[in-house]
PDB file of all heavy atoms in Angstrom:
ATOM      1  N   ALA A   1      87.962 123.877  88.916  1.00  0.00           N
ATOM      2  CA  ALA A   1      89.067 124.389  89.729  1.00  0.00           C
ATOM      3  C   ALA A   1      89.055 123.766  91.125  1.00  0.00           C
ATOM      4  O   ALA A   1      90.096 123.364  91.651  1.00  0.00           O
ATOM      5  CB  ALA A   1      88.989 125.908  89.827  1.00  0.00           C
ATOM      6  N   ILE A   2      87.874 123.674  91.728  1.00  0.00           N
ATOM      7  CA  ILE A   2      87.775 123.115  93.083  1.00  0.00           C
ATOM      8  C   ILE A   2      88.076 121.613  93.058  1.00  0.00           C
ATOM      9  O   ILE A   2      88.842 121.102  93.886  1.00  0.00           O
ATOM     10  CB  ILE A   2      86.371 123.371  93.672  1.00  0.00           C
ATOM     11  CG1 ILE A   2      86.142 124.874  93.824  1.00  0.00           C
ATOM     12  CG2 ILE A   2      86.217 122.661  95.015  1.00  0.00           C
ATOM     13  CD1 ILE A   2      84.727 125.244  94.203  1.00  0.00           C
ATOM     14  N   ALA A   3      87.480 120.901  92.108  1.00  0.00           N
ATOM     15  CA  ALA A   3      87.729 119.459  91.997  1.00  0.00           C
ATOM     16  C   ALA A   3      89.199 119.200  91.678  1.00  0.00           C
ATOM     17  O   ALA A   3      89.787 118.225  92.158  1.00  0.00           O
ATOM     18  CB  ALA A   3      86.840 118.851  90.909  1.00  0.00           C
ATOM     19  N   GLY A   4      89.804 120.073  90.880  1.00  0.00           N
ATOM     20  CA  GLY A   4      91.224 119.930  90.560  1.00  0.00           C
ATOM     21  C   GLY A   4      92.099 120.079  91.788  1.00  0.00           C
ATOM     22  O   GLY A   4      93.102 119.364  91.942  1.00  0.00           O
ATOM     23  N   ALA A   5      91.743 121.000  92.686  1.00  0.00           N
ATOM     24  CA  ALA A   5      92.505 121.180  93.925  1.00  0.00           C
ATOM     25  C   ALA A   5      92.416 119.929  94.793  1.00  0.00           C
ATOM     26  O   ALA A   5      93.416 119.487  95.375  1.00  0.00           O
ATOM     27  CB  ALA A   5      91.979 122.398  94.683  1.00  0.00           C
ATOM     28  N   VAL A   6      91.223 119.347  94.879  1.00  0.00           N
ATOM     29  CA  VAL A   6      91.052 118.113  95.653  1.00  0.00           C
ATOM     30  C   VAL A   6      91.867 116.982  95.038  1.00  0.00           C
ATOM     31  O   VAL A   6      92.530 116.217  95.755  1.00  0.00           O
ATOM     32  CB  VAL A   6      89.557 117.725  95.725  1.00  0.00           C
ATOM     33  CG1 VAL A   6      89.388 116.366  96.404  1.00  0.00           C
ATOM     34  CG2 VAL A   6      88.764 118.786  96.475  1.00  0.00           C
ATOM     35  N   SER A   7      91.841 116.870  93.718  1.00  0.00           N
ATOM     36  CA  SER A   7      92.597 115.823  93.031  1.00  0.00           C
ATOM     37  C   SER A   7      94.100 115.984  93.267  1.00  0.00           C
ATOM     38  O   SER A   7      94.817 114.993  93.439  1.00  0.00           O
ATOM     39  CB  SER A   7      92.303 115.855  91.526  1.00  0.00           C
ATOM     40  OG  SER A   7      90.949 115.573  91.260  1.00  0.00           O
ATOM     41  N   THR A   8      94.567 117.237  93.273  1.00  0.00           N
ATOM     42  CA  THR A   8      95.985 117.496  93.521  1.00  0.00           C
ATOM     43  C   THR A   8      96.390 117.033  94.906  1.00  0.00           C
ATOM     44  O   THR A   8      97.444 116.404  95.088  1.00  0.00           O
ATOM     45  CB  THR A   8      96.290 119.001  93.364  1.00  0.00           C
ATOM     46  OG1 THR A   8      96.017 119.397  92.019  1.00  0.00           O
ATOM     47  CG2 THR A   8      97.745 119.305  93.693  1.00  0.00           C
ATOM     48  N   LEU A   9      95.556 117.330  95.897  1.00  0.00           N
ATOM     49  CA  LEU A   9      95.855 116.913  97.269  1.00  0.00           C
ATOM     50  C   LEU A   9      95.818 115.392  97.400  1.00  0.00           C
ATOM     51  O   LEU A   9      96.626 114.796  98.114  1.00  0.00           O
ATOM     52  CB  LEU A   9      94.868 117.557  98.240  1.00  0.00           C
ATOM     53  CG  LEU A   9      95.017 119.078  98.406  1.00  0.00           C
ATOM     54  CD1 LEU A   9      93.893 119.635  99.279  1.00  0.00           C
ATOM     55  CD2 LEU A   9      96.371 119.424  99.023  1.00  0.00           C
ATOM     56  N   TYR A  10      94.886 114.743  96.699  1.00  0.00           N
ATOM     57  CA  TYR A  10      94.857 113.280  96.729  1.00  0.00           C
ATOM     58  C   TYR A  10      96.127 112.703  96.116  1.00  0.00           C
ATOM     59  O   TYR A  10      96.677 111.714  96.601  1.00  0.00           O
ATOM     60  CB  TYR A  10      93.639 112.734  95.989  1.00  0.00           C
ATOM     61  CG  TYR A  10      93.668 111.221  95.893  1.00  0.00           C
ATOM     62  CD1 TYR A  10      93.323 110.433  96.998  1.00  0.00           C
ATOM     63  CD2 TYR A  10      94.080 110.577  94.726  1.00  0.00           C
ATOM     64  CE1 TYR A  10      93.375 109.049  96.936  1.00  0.00           C
ATOM     65  CE2 TYR A  10      94.144 109.199  94.662  1.00  0.00           C
ATOM     66  CZ  TYR A  10      93.780 108.442  95.761  1.00  0.00           C
ATOM     67  OH  TYR A  10      93.848 107.075  95.690  1.00  0.00           O
ATOM     68  N   GLY A  11      96.594 113.337  95.038  1.00  0.00           N
ATOM     69  CA  GLY A  11      97.811 112.862  94.392  1.00  0.00           C
ATOM     70  C   GLY A  11      98.995 112.843  95.336  1.00  0.00           C
ATOM     71  O   GLY A  11      99.859 111.965  95.250  1.00  0.00           O
ATOM     72  N   LEU A  12      99.042 113.815  96.242  1.00  0.00           N
ATOM     73  CA  LEU A  12     100.135 113.833  97.216  1.00  0.00           C
ATOM     74  C   LEU A  12     100.119 112.575  98.074  1.00  0.00           C
ATOM     75  O   LEU A  12     101.166 112.033  98.416  1.00  0.00           O
ATOM     76  CB  LEU A  12     100.026 115.076  98.097  1.00  0.00           C
ATOM     77  CG  LEU A  12     101.119 115.247  99.155  1.00  0.00           C
ATOM     78  CD1 LEU A  12     101.523 116.708  99.291  1.00  0.00           C
ATOM     79  CD2 LEU A  12     100.668 114.717 100.525  1.00  0.00           C
ATOM     80  N   LEU A  13      98.935 112.093  98.410  1.00  0.00           N
ATOM     81  CA  LEU A  13      98.815 110.936  99.295  1.00  0.00           C
ATOM     82  C   LEU A  13      99.346 109.654  98.663  1.00  0.00           C
ATOM     83  O   LEU A  13      99.582 108.671  99.369  1.00  0.00           O
ATOM     84  CB  LEU A  13      97.346 110.737  99.698  1.00  0.00           C
ATOM     85  CG  LEU A  13      96.687 111.914 100.429  1.00  0.00           C
ATOM     86  CD1 LEU A  13      95.240 111.593 100.748  1.00  0.00           C
ATOM     87  CD2 LEU A  13      97.450 112.258 101.709  1.00  0.00           C
ATOM     88  N   THR A  14      99.526 109.641  97.355  1.00  0.00           N
ATOM     89  CA  THR A  14     100.014 108.429  96.684  1.00  0.00           C
ATOM     90  C   THR A  14     101.539 108.348  96.676  1.00  0.00           C
ATOM     91  O   THR A  14     102.091 107.368  96.186  1.00  0.00           O
ATOM     92  CB  THR A  14      99.499 108.376  95.229  1.00  0.00           C
ATOM     93  OG1 THR A  14     100.073 109.452  94.473  1.00  0.00           O
ATOM     94  CG2 THR A  14      97.980 108.482  95.192  1.00  0.00           C
ATOM     95  N   HIS A  15     102.194 109.365  97.207  1.00  0.00           N
ATOM     96  CA  HIS A  15     103.661 109.383  97.214  1.00  0.00           C
ATOM     97  C   HIS A  15     104.181 108.964  98.585  1.00  0.00           C
ATOM     98  O   HIS A  15     104.681 109.784  99.362  1.00  0.00           O
ATOM     99  CB  HIS A  15     104.185 110.777  96.844  1.00  0.00           C
ATOM    100  CG  HIS A  15     103.955 111.152  95.428  1.00  0.00           C
ATOM    101  ND1 HIS A  15     102.732 111.554  94.949  1.00  0.00           N
ATOM    102  CD2 HIS A  15     104.798 111.188  94.358  1.00  0.00           C
ATOM    103  CE1 HIS A  15     102.825 111.816  93.659  1.00  0.00           C
ATOM    104  NE2 HIS A  15     104.061 111.605  93.274  1.00  0.00           N
ATOM    105  N   THR A  16     104.082 107.694  98.898  1.00  0.00           N
ATOM    106  CA  THR A  16     104.579 107.196 100.170  1.00  0.00           C
ATOM    107  C   THR A  16     104.772 105.689 100.113  1.00  0.00           C
ATOM    108  O   THR A  16     104.069 104.997  99.377  1.00  0.00           O
ATOM    109  CB  THR A  16     103.609 107.542 101.321  1.00  0.00           C
ATOM    110  OG1 THR A  16     104.140 107.076 102.559  1.00  0.00           O
ATOM    111  CG2 THR A  16     102.242 106.911 101.099  1.00  0.00           C
ATOM    112  N   LYS A  17     105.739 105.210 100.886  1.00  0.00           N
ATOM    113  CA  LYS A  17     105.923 103.768 101.076  1.00  0.00           C
ATOM    114  C   LYS A  17     105.332 103.324 102.402  1.00  0.00           C
ATOM    115  O   LYS A  17     105.440 102.163 102.784  1.00  0.00           O
ATOM    116  CB  LYS A  17     107.419 103.431 101.031  1.00  0.00           C
ATOM    117  CG  LYS A  17     108.060 103.646  99.670  1.00  0.00           C
ATOM    118  CD  LYS A  17     109.484 103.128  99.620  1.00  0.00           C
ATOM    119  CE  LYS A  17     110.412 104.067 100.359  1.00  0.00           C
ATOM    120  NZ  LYS A  17     111.849 103.704 100.173  1.00  0.00           N
ATOM    121  N   TRP A  18     104.713 104.263 103.096  1.00  0.00           N
ATOM    122  CA  TRP A  18     104.153 104.019 104.420  1.00  0.00           C
ATOM    123  C   TRP A  18     102.920 103.118 104.348  1.00  0.00           C
ATOM    124  O   TRP A  18     102.619 102.363 105.266  1.00  0.00           O
ATOM    125  CB  TRP A  18     103.795 105.375 105.031  1.00  0.00           C
ATOM    126  CG  TRP A  18     103.508 105.368 106.495  1.00  0.00           C
ATOM    127  CD1 TRP A  18     103.611 104.321 107.362  1.00  0.00           C
ATOM    128  CD2 TRP A  18     103.077 106.478 107.274  1.00  0.00           C
ATOM    129  NE1 TRP A  18     103.281 104.707 108.619  1.00  0.00           N
ATOM    130  CE2 TRP A  18     102.956 106.040 108.598  1.00  0.00           C
ATOM    131  CE3 TRP A  18     102.797 107.808 106.979  1.00  0.00           C
ATOM    132  CZ2 TRP A  18     102.549 106.885 109.628  1.00  0.00           C
ATOM    133  CZ3 TRP A  18     102.402 108.644 108.008  1.00  0.00           C
ATOM    134  CH2 TRP A  18     102.279 108.188 109.305  1.00  0.00           C
ATOM    135  N   VAL A  19     102.192 103.211 103.240  1.00  0.00           N
ATOM    136  CA  VAL A  19     100.930 102.485 103.085  1.00  0.00           C
ATOM    137  C   VAL A  19     101.143 101.246 102.226  1.00  0.00           C
ATOM    138  O   VAL A  19     101.726 101.329 101.145  1.00  0.00           O
ATOM    139  CB  VAL A  19      99.857 103.393 102.434  1.00  0.00           C
ATOM    140  CG1 VAL A  19      98.559 102.629 102.248  1.00  0.00           C
ATOM    141  CG2 VAL A  19      99.647 104.650 103.276  1.00  0.00           C
ATOM    142  N   ASN A  20     100.662 100.110 102.709  1.00  0.00           N
ATOM    143  CA  ASN A  20     100.766  98.859 101.951  1.00  0.00           C
ATOM    144  C   ASN A  20      99.641  98.767 100.926  1.00  0.00           C
ATOM    145  O   ASN A  20      98.841  99.690 100.769  1.00  0.00           O
ATOM    146  CB  ASN A  20     100.738  97.669 102.906  1.00  0.00           C
ATOM    147  CG  ASN A  20     101.960  97.631 103.804  1.00  0.00           C
ATOM    148  OD1 ASN A  20     103.069  97.911 103.356  1.00  0.00           O
ATOM    149  ND2 ASN A  20     101.762  97.281 105.074  1.00  0.00           N
ATOM    150  N   LYS A  21      99.547  97.636 100.254  1.00  0.00           N
ATOM    151  CA  LYS A  21      98.493  97.432  99.258  1.00  0.00           C
ATOM    152  C   LYS A  21      97.114  97.535  99.917  1.00  0.00           C
ATOM    153  O   LYS A  21      96.920  97.118 101.063  1.00  0.00           O
ATOM    154  CB  LYS A  21      98.663  96.066  98.584  1.00  0.00           C
ATOM    155  CG  LYS A  21      99.853  96.003  97.628  1.00  0.00           C
ATOM    156  CD  LYS A  21      99.891  94.683  96.885  1.00  0.00           C
ATOM    157  CE  LYS A  21     101.043  94.638  95.895  1.00  0.00           C
ATOM    158  NZ  LYS A  21     100.878  95.632  94.805  1.00  0.00           N
ATOM    159  N   LEU A  22      96.158  98.066  99.168  1.00  0.00           N
ATOM    160  CA  LEU A  22      94.828  98.350  99.704  1.00  0.00           C
ATOM    161  C   LEU A  22      93.751  97.464  99.086  1.00  0.00           C
ATOM    162  O   LEU A  22      92.621  97.902  98.871  1.00  0.00           O
ATOM    163  CB  LEU A  22      94.490  99.829  99.489  1.00  0.00           C
ATOM    164  CG  LEU A  22      95.430 100.815 100.186  1.00  0.00           C
ATOM    165  CD1 LEU A  22      95.072 102.249  99.816  1.00  0.00           C
ATOM    166  CD2 LEU A  22      95.381 100.641 101.698  1.00  0.00           C
ATOM    167  N   GLY A  23      94.105  96.226  98.789  1.00  0.00           N
ATOM    168  CA  GLY A  23      93.111  95.258  98.320  1.00  0.00           C
ATOM    169  C   GLY A  23      92.452  95.651  97.021  1.00  0.00           C
ATOM    170  O   GLY A  23      93.108  96.054  96.051  1.00  0.00           O
ATOM    171  N   ILE A  24      91.145  95.574  96.993  1.00  0.00           N
ATOM    172  CA  ILE A  24      90.385  95.826  95.765  1.00  0.00           C
ATOM    173  C   ILE A  24      90.544  97.266  95.273  1.00  0.00           C
ATOM    174  O   ILE A  24      90.388  97.552  94.075  1.00  0.00           O
ATOM    175  CB  ILE A  24      88.884  95.500  95.987  1.00  0.00           C
ATOM    176  CG1 ILE A  24      88.164  95.442  94.637  1.00  0.00           C
ATOM    177  CG2 ILE A  24      88.241  96.508  96.932  1.00  0.00           C
ATOM    178  CD1 ILE A  24      86.741  94.954  94.738  1.00  0.00           C
ATOM    179  N   LEU A  25      90.879  98.185  96.175  1.00  0.00           N
ATOM    180  CA  LEU A  25      91.064  99.580  95.776  1.00  0.00           C
ATOM    181  C   LEU A  25      92.218  99.740  94.792  1.00  0.00           C
ATOM    182  O   LEU A  25      92.273 100.724  94.046  1.00  0.00           O
ATOM    183  CB  LEU A  25      91.314 100.457  97.005  1.00  0.00           C
ATOM    184  CG  LEU A  25      90.155 100.587  97.995  1.00  0.00           C
ATOM    185  CD1 LEU A  25      90.549 101.489  99.155  1.00  0.00           C
ATOM    186  CD2 LEU A  25      88.899 101.110  97.309  1.00  0.00           C
ATOM    187  N   GLU A  26      93.146  98.768  94.779  1.00  0.00           N
ATOM    188  CA  GLU A  26      94.267  98.811  93.841  1.00  0.00           C
ATOM    189  C   GLU A  26      93.778  98.766  92.390  1.00  0.00           C
ATOM    190  O   GLU A  26      94.468  99.229  91.482  1.00  0.00           O
ATOM    191  CB  GLU A  26      95.210  97.631  94.090  1.00  0.00           C
ATOM    192  CG  GLU A  26      95.852  97.598  95.469  1.00  0.00           C
ATOM    193  CD  GLU A  26      96.955  98.630  95.623  1.00  0.00           C
ATOM    194  OE1 GLU A  26      97.539  99.028  94.586  1.00  0.00           O
ATOM    195  OE2 GLU A  26      97.229  99.039  96.763  1.00  0.00           O
ATOM    196  N   TYR A  27      92.583  98.200  92.159  1.00  0.00           N
ATOM    197  CA  TYR A  27      92.041  98.054  90.811  1.00  0.00           C
ATOM    198  C   TYR A  27      91.146  99.234  90.415  1.00  0.00           C
ATOM    199  O   TYR A  27      90.688  99.311  89.279  1.00  0.00           O
ATOM    200  CB  TYR A  27      91.235  96.757  90.702  1.00  0.00           C
ATOM    201  CG  TYR A  27      92.059  95.519  90.981  1.00  0.00           C
ATOM    202  CD1 TYR A  27      92.085  94.951  92.250  1.00  0.00           C
ATOM    203  CD2 TYR A  27      92.827  94.930  89.980  1.00  0.00           C
ATOM    204  CE1 TYR A  27      92.854  93.816  92.513  1.00  0.00           C
ATOM    205  CE2 TYR A  27      93.592  93.805  90.232  1.00  0.00           C
ATOM    206  CZ  TYR A  27      93.601  93.254  91.500  1.00  0.00           C
ATOM    207  OH  TYR A  27      94.371  92.133  91.763  1.00  0.00           O
ATOM    208  N   ILE A  28      90.913 100.148  91.385  1.00  0.00           N
ATOM    209  CA  ILE A  28      89.986 101.254  91.121  1.00  0.00           C
ATOM    210  C   ILE A  28      90.693 102.601  91.133  1.00  0.00           C
ATOM    211  O   ILE A  28      90.466 103.436  90.255  1.00  0.00           O
ATOM    212  CB  ILE A  28      88.849 101.254  92.170  1.00  0.00           C
ATOM    213  CG1 ILE A  28      88.120  99.902  92.154  1.00  0.00           C
ATOM    214  CG2 ILE A  28      87.877 102.401  91.904  1.00  0.00           C
ATOM    215  CD1 ILE A  28      87.104  99.749  93.258  1.00  0.00           C
ATOM    216  N   PHE A  29      91.561 102.793  92.124  1.00  0.00           N
ATOM    217  CA  PHE A  29      92.229 104.079  92.295  1.00  0.00           C
ATOM    218  C   PHE A  29      93.735 103.941  92.134  1.00  0.00           C
ATOM    219  O   PHE A  29      94.285 102.852  92.205  1.00  0.00           O
ATOM    220  CB  PHE A  29      91.936 104.649  93.696  1.00  0.00           C
ATOM    221  CG  PHE A  29      90.480 104.897  93.963  1.00  0.00           C
ATOM    222  CD1 PHE A  29      89.755 104.046  94.786  1.00  0.00           C
ATOM    223  CD2 PHE A  29      89.829 105.982  93.397  1.00  0.00           C
ATOM    224  CE1 PHE A  29      88.413 104.265  95.042  1.00  0.00           C
ATOM    225  CE2 PHE A  29      88.498 106.219  93.643  1.00  0.00           C
ATOM    226  CZ  PHE A  29      87.778 105.356  94.465  1.00  0.00           C
ATOM    227  N   ILE A  30      94.385 105.095  91.923  1.00  0.00           N
ATOM    228  CA  ILE A  30      95.840 105.143  92.022  1.00  0.00           C
ATOM    229  C   ILE A  30      96.168 105.140  93.510  1.00  0.00           C
ATOM    230  O   ILE A  30      95.870 106.099  94.223  1.00  0.00           O
ATOM    231  CB  ILE A  30      96.415 106.410  91.364  1.00  0.00           C
ATOM    232  CG1 ILE A  30      96.148 106.406  89.869  1.00  0.00           C
ATOM    233  CG2 ILE A  30      97.920 106.501  91.625  1.00  0.00           C
ATOM    234  CD1 ILE A  30      96.855 105.298  89.123  1.00  0.00           C
ATOM    235  N   THR A  31      96.755 104.069  93.988  1.00  0.00           N
ATOM    236  CA  THR A  31      97.106 103.931  95.400  1.00  0.00           C
ATOM    237  C   THR A  31      98.614 104.138  95.558  1.00  0.00           C
ATOM    238  O   THR A  31      99.351 104.122  94.569  1.00  0.00           O
ATOM    239  CB  THR A  31      96.718 102.541  95.922  1.00  0.00           C
ATOM    240  OG1 THR A  31      97.497 101.563  95.208  1.00  0.00           O
ATOM    241  CG2 THR A  31      95.236 102.263  95.713  1.00  0.00           C
ATOM    242  N   PRO A  32      99.091 104.316  96.791  1.00  0.00           N
ATOM    243  CA  PRO A  32     100.545 104.485  96.986  1.00  0.00           C
ATOM    244  C   PRO A  32     101.375 103.347  96.394  1.00  0.00           C
ATOM    245  O   PRO A  32     102.376 103.586  95.707  1.00  0.00           O
ATOM    246  CB  PRO A  32     100.670 104.555  98.510  1.00  0.00           C
ATOM    247  CG  PRO A  32      99.387 105.160  98.954  1.00  0.00           C
ATOM    248  CD  PRO A  32      98.347 104.566  98.042  1.00  0.00           C
ATOM    249  N   SER A  33     100.977 102.088  96.636  1.00  0.00           N
ATOM    250  CA  SER A  33     101.762 100.960  96.125  1.00  0.00           C
ATOM    251  C   SER A  33     101.683 100.866  94.607  1.00  0.00           C
ATOM    252  O   SER A  33     102.660 100.554  93.926  1.00  0.00           O
ATOM    253  CB  SER A  33     101.275  99.650  96.754  1.00  0.00           C
ATOM    254  OG  SER A  33      99.935  99.378  96.391  1.00  0.00           O
ATOM    255  N   HIS A  34     100.509 101.184  94.055  1.00  0.00           N
ATOM    256  CA  HIS A  34     100.321 101.159  92.607  1.00  0.00           C
ATOM    257  C   HIS A  34     101.187 102.241  91.955  1.00  0.00           C
ATOM    258  O   HIS A  34     101.871 101.997  90.958  1.00  0.00           O
ATOM    259  CB  HIS A  34      98.841 101.387  92.280  1.00  0.00           C
ATOM    260  CG  HIS A  34      98.533 101.331  90.822  1.00  0.00           C
ATOM    261  ND1 HIS A  34      97.817 102.302  90.184  1.00  0.00           N
ATOM    262  CD2 HIS A  34      98.864 100.422  89.865  1.00  0.00           C
ATOM    263  CE1 HIS A  34      97.715 102.005  88.888  1.00  0.00           C
ATOM    264  NE2 HIS A  34      98.329 100.876  88.677  1.00  0.00           N
ATOM    265  N   HIS A  35     101.159 103.430  92.512  1.00  0.00           N
ATOM    266  CA  HIS A  35     101.937 104.542  91.982  1.00  0.00           C
ATOM    267  C   HIS A  35     103.429 104.255  92.067  1.00  0.00           C
ATOM    268  O   HIS A  35     104.186 104.520  91.138  1.00  0.00           O
ATOM    269  CB  HIS A  35     101.590 105.812  92.771  1.00  0.00           C
ATOM    270  CG  HIS A  35     102.152 107.058  92.179  1.00  0.00           C
ATOM    271  ND1 HIS A  35     102.324 108.204  92.895  1.00  0.00           N
ATOM    272  CD2 HIS A  35     102.595 107.344  90.930  1.00  0.00           C
ATOM    273  CE1 HIS A  35     102.845 109.140  92.127  1.00  0.00           C
ATOM    274  NE2 HIS A  35     103.015 108.654  90.925  1.00  0.00           N
ATOM    275  N   LEU A  36     103.843 103.680  93.185  1.00  0.00           N
ATOM    276  CA  LEU A  36     105.260 103.367  93.382  1.00  0.00           C
ATOM    277  C   LEU A  36     105.759 102.355  92.362  1.00  0.00           C
ATOM    278  O   LEU A  36     106.800 102.534  91.738  1.00  0.00           O
ATOM    279  CB  LEU A  36     105.481 102.829  94.801  1.00  0.00           C
ATOM    280  CG  LEU A  36     106.902 102.374  95.155  1.00  0.00           C
ATOM    281  CD1 LEU A  36     107.853 103.558  95.106  1.00  0.00           C
ATOM    282  CD2 LEU A  36     106.925 101.729  96.531  1.00  0.00           C
ATOM    283  N   SER A  37     104.990 101.286  92.162  1.00  0.00           N
ATOM    284  CA  SER A  37     105.427 100.219  91.268  1.00  0.00           C
ATOM    285  C   SER A  37     105.346 100.616  89.803  1.00  0.00           C
ATOM    286  O   SER A  37     106.165 100.199  88.985  1.00  0.00           O
ATOM    287  CB  SER A  37     104.588  98.953  91.508  1.00  0.00           C
ATOM    288  OG  SER A  37     103.225  99.193  91.203  1.00  0.00           O
ATOM    289  N   LEU A  38     104.386 101.467  89.460  1.00  0.00           N
ATOM    290  CA  LEU A  38     104.164 101.809  88.052  1.00  0.00           C
ATOM    291  C   LEU A  38     105.032 102.971  87.589  1.00  0.00           C
ATOM    292  O   LEU A  38     105.560 102.969  86.476  1.00  0.00           O
ATOM    293  CB  LEU A  38     102.695 102.163  87.819  1.00  0.00           C
ATOM    294  CG  LEU A  38     102.290 102.523  86.383  1.00  0.00           C
ATOM    295  CD1 LEU A  38     102.486 101.319  85.473  1.00  0.00           C
ATOM    296  CD2 LEU A  38     100.850 102.996  86.331  1.00  0.00           C
ATOM    297  N   ILE A  39     105.217 103.972  88.447  1.00  0.00           N
ATOM    298  CA  ILE A  39     105.839 105.218  88.018  1.00  0.00           C
ATOM    299  C   ILE A  39     107.221 105.451  88.609  1.00  0.00           C
ATOM    300  O   ILE A  39     108.145 105.866  87.917  1.00  0.00           O
ATOM    301  CB  ILE A  39     104.934 106.429  88.379  1.00  0.00           C
ATOM    302  CG1 ILE A  39     103.558 106.272  87.741  1.00  0.00           C
ATOM    303  CG2 ILE A  39     105.581 107.726  87.939  1.00  0.00           C
ATOM    304  CD1 ILE A  39     103.583 106.265  86.227  1.00  0.00           C
ATOM    305  N   HIS A  40     107.401 105.167  89.877  1.00  0.00           N
ATOM    306  CA  HIS A  40     108.614 105.612  90.551  1.00  0.00           C
ATOM    307  C   HIS A  40     109.630 104.508  90.836  1.00  0.00           C
ATOM    308  O   HIS A  40     110.539 104.697  91.625  1.00  0.00           O
ATOM    309  CB  HIS A  40     108.245 106.308  91.874  1.00  0.00           C
ATOM    310  CG  HIS A  40     107.692 107.687  91.682  1.00  0.00           C
ATOM    311  ND1 HIS A  40     108.477 108.813  91.601  1.00  0.00           N
ATOM    312  CD2 HIS A  40     106.406 108.121  91.549  1.00  0.00           C
ATOM    313  CE1 HIS A  40     107.717 109.874  91.440  1.00  0.00           C
ATOM    314  NE2 HIS A  40     106.457 109.489  91.398  1.00  0.00           N
ATOM    315  N   ILE A  41     109.474 103.332  90.246  1.00  0.00           N
ATOM    316  CA  ILE A  41     110.448 102.254  90.457  1.00  0.00           C
ATOM    317  C   ILE A  41     111.255 102.046  89.182  1.00  0.00           C
ATOM    318  O   ILE A  41     110.705 101.957  88.093  1.00  0.00           O
ATOM    319  CB  ILE A  41     109.737 100.932  90.841  1.00  0.00           C
ATOM    320  CG1 ILE A  41     109.179 101.048  92.262  1.00  0.00           C
ATOM    321  CG2 ILE A  41     110.678  99.761  90.727  1.00  0.00           C
ATOM    322  CD1 ILE A  41     110.245 101.142  93.342  1.00  0.00           C
ATOM    323  N   SER A  42     112.566 101.924  89.327  1.00  0.00           N
ATOM    324  CA  SER A  42     113.488 101.651  88.205  1.00  0.00           C
ATOM    325  C   SER A  42     113.235 102.588  87.034  1.00  0.00           C
ATOM    326  O   SER A  42     113.178 102.175  85.877  1.00  0.00           O
ATOM    327  CB  SER A  42     113.333 100.191  87.747  1.00  0.00           C
ATOM    328  OG  SER A  42     113.591  99.314  88.806  1.00  0.00           O
ATOM    329  N   GLU A  43     113.073 103.853  87.334  1.00  0.00           N
ATOM    330  CA  GLU A  43     112.656 104.822  86.324  1.00  0.00           C
ATOM    331  C   GLU A  43     113.543 104.880  85.085  1.00  0.00           C
ATOM    332  O   GLU A  43     113.043 104.931  83.968  1.00  0.00           O
ATOM    333  CB  GLU A  43     112.532 106.201  86.974  1.00  0.00           C
ATOM    334  CG  GLU A  43     111.371 106.242  87.954  1.00  0.00           C
ATOM    335  CD  GLU A  43     111.261 107.586  88.648  1.00  0.00           C
ATOM    336  OE1 GLU A  43     112.199 108.378  88.558  1.00  0.00           O
ATOM    337  OE2 GLU A  43     110.236 107.831  89.273  1.00  0.00           O
ATOM    338  N   PRO A  44     114.860 104.893  85.206  1.00  0.00           N
ATOM    339  CA  PRO A  44     115.684 105.053  83.996  1.00  0.00           C
ATOM    340  C   PRO A  44     115.516 103.936  82.974  1.00  0.00           C
ATOM    341  O   PRO A  44     115.773 104.129  81.797  1.00  0.00           O
ATOM    342  CB  PRO A  44     117.113 105.070  84.552  1.00  0.00           C
ATOM    343  CG  PRO A  44     116.958 105.511  85.972  1.00  0.00           C
ATOM    344  CD  PRO A  44     115.684 104.880  86.427  1.00  0.00           C
ATOM    345  N   THR A  45     115.078 102.745  83.427  1.00  0.00           N
ATOM    346  CA  THR A  45     114.967 101.626  82.503  1.00  0.00           C
ATOM    347  C   THR A  45     113.548 101.429  81.986  1.00  0.00           C
ATOM    348  O   THR A  45     113.326 100.553  81.161  1.00  0.00           O
ATOM    349  CB  THR A  45     115.414 100.330  83.199  1.00  0.00           C
ATOM    350  OG1 THR A  45     114.566 100.073  84.326  1.00  0.00           O
ATOM    351  CG2 THR A  45     116.867 100.461  83.678  1.00  0.00           C
ATOM    352  N   ARG A  46     112.630 102.232  82.463  1.00  0.00           N
ATOM    353  CA  ARG A  46     111.234 102.019  82.062  1.00  0.00           C
ATOM    354  C   ARG A  46     110.954 102.675  80.717  1.00  0.00           C
ATOM    355  O   ARG A  46     111.448 103.772  80.448  1.00  0.00           O
ATOM    356  CB  ARG A  46     110.273 102.535  83.120  1.00  0.00           C
ATOM    357  CG  ARG A  46     110.404 101.825  84.457  1.00  0.00           C
ATOM    358  CD  ARG A  46     109.322 102.284  85.413  1.00  0.00           C
ATOM    359  NE  ARG A  46     108.011 101.829  84.967  1.00  0.00           N
ATOM    360  CZ  ARG A  46     107.490 100.657  85.255  1.00  0.00           C
ATOM    361  NH1 ARG A  46     108.175  99.781  85.966  1.00  0.00           N
ATOM    362  NH2 ARG A  46     106.285 100.306  84.834  1.00  0.00           N
TER     363      ARG A  46
END
């Protein structure tokens, strides 16, 4: 439950265009740019 709450709050941080690519972290974590390009871009055609 506690780890889930932390994960939920981290998920919020991935919803922004304010942060650019984060280098090697793009291959390890869900980052804002990764989330944007994978999930929230051109949604109806994906």
